[in-house]
């Protein structure tokens, strides 16, 4: 009842009973993605920026290859470049100041370097968009449904004579009736 696996002699010596080593059920990629999205949301709502960033990167790695490459090609949308002062440390202390830099190992400290920072929130929203395109997330489609016959409003009644012929209405008379009585006063 033991199961042996591995290619090296030390690995083949490890064995587990069949019922303890087997994974029951299927590992559905969609379910794994949903669980990882949940982890991202938990880390974000807890204010754990580092945990959120690692969770988003893990979610990115779960995407289908083509969608992941599309997102990586969109780096300008979620990466921000800035220039910052970088300090070398000597004995755990920052060396030099902005006003008085110090030369250490042939480099100035501090020095201005271009630093790229990833906006994990923007990356997360891009991943969500790509998941929707892959039908791996919920999607809302607008649907127009006809619920019944639309009844047009009845036309305004037209004055007719005894024979049913429409009467001609004098437009000038109607305009005079519409005048404000306060205008005459």
Protein backbone atom coordinates (compact mmCIF):
# COMPACT_ATOMS: atom_id res chain seq x y z
CA UNK A 1 0.00 0.00 0.00
CA UNK A 2 2.94 2.38 -0.27
CA UNK A 3 3.69 4.53 -3.24
CA UNK A 4 7.22 5.28 -4.34
CA UNK A 5 8.15 8.25 -6.51
CA UNK A 6 11.19 10.24 -7.59
CA UNK A 7 14.33 9.46 -9.56
CA UNK A 8 17.06 9.68 -6.96
CA UNK A 9 17.67 6.90 -4.42
CA UNK A 10 16.86 9.20 -1.50
CA UNK A 11 13.58 10.27 -3.11
CA UNK A 12 12.47 6.70 -3.80
CA UNK A 13 12.83 5.82 -0.13
CA UNK A 14 10.01 8.23 0.77
CA UNK A 15 6.59 6.66 0.61
CA UNK A 16 3.08 7.61 1.63
CA UNK A 17 -0.05 5.53 2.01
CA UNK A 18 -2.30 5.85 -1.04
CA UNK A 19 -5.15 7.53 0.78
CA UNK A 20 -2.95 10.25 2.34
CA UNK A 21 -0.97 11.17 -0.78
CA UNK A 22 -3.73 11.46 -3.32
CA UNK A 23 -5.45 14.72 -4.18
CA UNK A 24 -9.16 14.32 -4.43
CA UNK A 25 -11.06 16.27 -7.01
CA UNK A 26 -9.79 18.31 -9.90
CA UNK A 27 -7.62 21.39 -9.68
CA UNK A 28 -9.69 23.69 -11.81
CA UNK A 29 -7.63 26.65 -13.13
CA UNK A 30 -10.67 28.93 -12.89
CA UNK A 31 -11.11 28.04 -9.22
CA UNK A 32 -7.42 28.67 -8.53
CA UNK A 33 -7.67 32.08 -10.20
CA UNK A 34 -10.75 32.94 -8.10
CA UNK A 35 -8.91 31.94 -4.93
CA UNK A 36 -5.92 34.09 -5.88
CA UNK A 37 -8.18 37.06 -6.66
CA UNK A 38 -9.65 36.57 -3.20
CA UNK A 39 -6.15 36.61 -1.68
CA UNK A 40 -5.39 39.85 -3.54
CA UNK A 41 -8.59 41.43 -2.23
CA UNK A 42 -7.86 40.33 1.34
CA UNK A 43 -4.31 41.71 1.24
CA UNK A 44 -5.52 44.97 -0.32
CA UNK A 45 -8.31 45.48 2.19
CA UNK A 46 -5.94 44.70 5.08
CA UNK A 47 -3.55 47.42 3.90
CA UNK A 48 -0.73 44.93 3.35
CA UNK A 49 0.98 46.57 0.37
CA UNK A 50 3.78 44.00 0.12
CA UNK A 51 1.38 41.08 0.42
CA UNK A 52 -0.92 42.65 -2.16
CA UNK A 53 1.98 43.10 -4.59
CA UNK A 54 3.11 39.49 -4.20
CA UNK A 55 -0.47 38.26 -4.56
CA UNK A 56 -0.95 40.26 -7.76
CA UNK A 57 2.32 38.91 -9.21
CA UNK A 58 1.19 35.39 -8.34
CA UNK A 59 -2.13 36.04 -10.07
CA UNK A 60 -0.26 37.32 -13.11
CA UNK A 61 1.68 34.07 -13.30
CA UNK A 62 -1.60 32.10 -13.37
CA UNK A 63 -2.84 33.81 -16.52
CA UNK A 64 -2.72 32.06 -19.87
CA UNK A 65 0.63 32.76 -21.56
CA UNK A 66 -0.80 34.96 -24.32
CA UNK A 67 -2.71 37.18 -21.89
CA UNK A 68 0.29 37.45 -19.55
CA UNK A 69 2.49 38.55 -22.47
CA UNK A 70 -0.11 41.16 -23.45
CA UNK A 71 -0.02 42.60 -19.94
CA UNK A 72 3.77 42.57 -19.80
CA UNK A 73 3.80 44.51 -23.08
CA UNK A 74 1.62 47.17 -21.40
CA UNK A 75 4.26 48.05 -18.76
CA UNK A 76 3.81 51.77 -19.45
CA UNK A 77 0.27 51.52 -18.03
CA UNK A 78 1.27 50.14 -14.63
CA UNK A 79 4.93 51.05 -14.14
CA UNK A 80 6.01 54.54 -13.14
CA UNK A 81 9.60 55.73 -13.50
CA UNK A 82 10.99 58.37 -11.19
CA UNK A 83 14.36 59.69 -10.11
CA UNK A 84 15.30 59.21 -6.47
CA UNK A 85 18.33 59.64 -4.29
CA UNK A 86 20.01 56.32 -3.53
CA UNK A 87 22.22 56.18 -0.44
CA UNK A 88 24.99 53.65 0.13
CA UNK A 89 25.18 52.32 3.66
CA UNK A 90 28.30 52.01 5.77
CA UNK A 91 27.85 50.08 8.99
CA UNK A 92 24.09 50.28 8.64
CA UNK A 93 24.12 54.09 8.33
CA UNK A 94 23.36 56.14 5.24
CA UNK A 95 26.54 57.70 3.87
CA UNK A 96 26.56 61.34 2.83
CA UNK A 97 23.81 63.90 2.45
CA UNK A 98 22.19 65.53 -0.53
CA UNK A 99 24.17 68.72 0.13
CA UNK A 100 27.46 66.89 0.86
CA UNK A 101 27.78 63.60 -1.07
CA UNK A 102 30.54 61.14 -0.09
CA UNK A 103 32.50 58.93 -2.46
CA UNK A 104 32.37 55.23 -1.51
CA UNK A 105 33.96 52.53 -3.68
CA UNK A 106 34.18 54.94 -6.60
CA UNK A 107 30.51 55.95 -6.39
CA UNK A 108 28.89 59.00 -4.89
CA UNK A 109 26.47 58.56 -2.06
CA UNK A 110 23.78 59.74 -2.43
CA UNK A 111 23.33 59.62 -6.18
CA UNK A 112 20.30 60.12 -8.38
CA UNK A 113 19.12 56.94 -10.05
CA UNK A 114 16.11 56.13 -12.17
CA UNK A 115 13.79 53.91 -10.15
CA UNK A 116 10.84 52.03 -11.62
CA UNK A 117 7.92 51.31 -9.35
CA UNK A 118 5.03 49.04 -10.18
CA UNK A 119 1.52 50.21 -9.35
CA UNK A 120 0.07 46.88 -8.26
CA UNK A 121 -3.45 48.29 -8.17
CA UNK A 122 -3.22 49.28 -11.86
CA UNK A 123 -1.67 45.89 -12.66
CA UNK A 124 -4.50 44.17 -10.78
CA UNK A 125 -7.15 46.05 -12.79
CA UNK A 126 -5.37 45.15 -16.05
CA UNK A 127 -5.32 41.50 -15.01
CA UNK A 128 -9.05 41.69 -14.22
CA UNK A 129 -9.69 43.10 -17.70
CA UNK A 130 -7.71 40.30 -19.34
CA UNK A 131 -9.54 37.72 -17.23
CA UNK A 132 -12.84 39.11 -18.47
CA UNK A 133 -11.59 38.86 -22.05
CA UNK A 134 -10.69 35.19 -21.40
CA UNK A 135 -14.09 34.54 -19.78
CA UNK A 136 -12.34 33.64 -16.51
CA UNK A 137 -14.12 36.33 -14.53
CA UNK A 138 -17.59 37.70 -14.38
CA UNK A 139 -18.72 39.78 -17.25
CA UNK A 140 -21.74 41.96 -17.64
CA UNK A 141 -23.32 42.16 -21.05
CA UNK A 142 -26.04 44.64 -21.78
CA UNK A 143 -29.07 42.93 -23.21
CA UNK A 144 -32.14 44.51 -24.70
CA UNK A 145 -35.20 42.36 -24.29
CA UNK A 146 -38.58 42.98 -25.81
CA UNK A 147 -41.08 42.49 -23.03
CA UNK A 148 -44.18 42.99 -25.10
CA UNK A 149 -45.77 45.09 -27.72
CA UNK A 150 -45.00 48.77 -27.38
CA UNK A 151 -48.15 50.83 -27.68
CA UNK A 152 -47.80 54.13 -29.42
CA UNK A 153 -49.59 57.02 -27.76
CA UNK A 154 -52.83 58.08 -29.36
CA UNK A 155 -52.43 61.10 -31.63
CA UNK A 156 -53.83 64.40 -30.46
CA UNK A 157 -57.45 64.72 -31.50
CA UNK A 158 -58.01 66.82 -34.57
CA UNK A 159 -61.21 68.89 -34.65
CA UNK A 160 -63.55 67.62 -37.37
CA UNK A 161 -66.84 68.76 -38.82
CA UNK A 162 -70.04 66.67 -38.99
CA UNK A 163 -68.80 64.81 -42.07
CA UNK A 164 -65.46 63.85 -40.40
CA UNK A 165 -63.34 66.32 -42.36
CA UNK A 166 -60.61 68.08 -40.31
CA UNK A 167 -61.32 71.69 -39.46
CA UNK A 168 -58.84 74.39 -40.21
CA UNK A 169 -57.65 76.02 -36.99
CA UNK A 170 -56.61 79.63 -37.03
CA UNK A 171 -53.10 79.72 -35.57
CA UNK A 172 -53.25 83.43 -34.81
CA UNK A 173 -56.23 82.98 -32.50
CA UNK A 174 -54.35 80.33 -30.48
CA UNK A 175 -51.29 82.56 -30.14
CA UNK A 176 -53.42 85.37 -28.74
CA UNK A 177 -54.97 82.99 -26.20
CA UNK A 178 -51.54 81.92 -24.96
CA UNK A 179 -50.50 85.49 -24.04
CA UNK A 180 -50.07 86.21 -20.35
CA UNK A 181 -52.91 88.33 -18.89
CA UNK A 182 -50.30 90.13 -16.78
CA UNK A 183 -48.70 91.60 -19.93
CA UNK A 184 -51.71 93.87 -20.54
CA UNK A 185 -51.55 95.33 -17.07
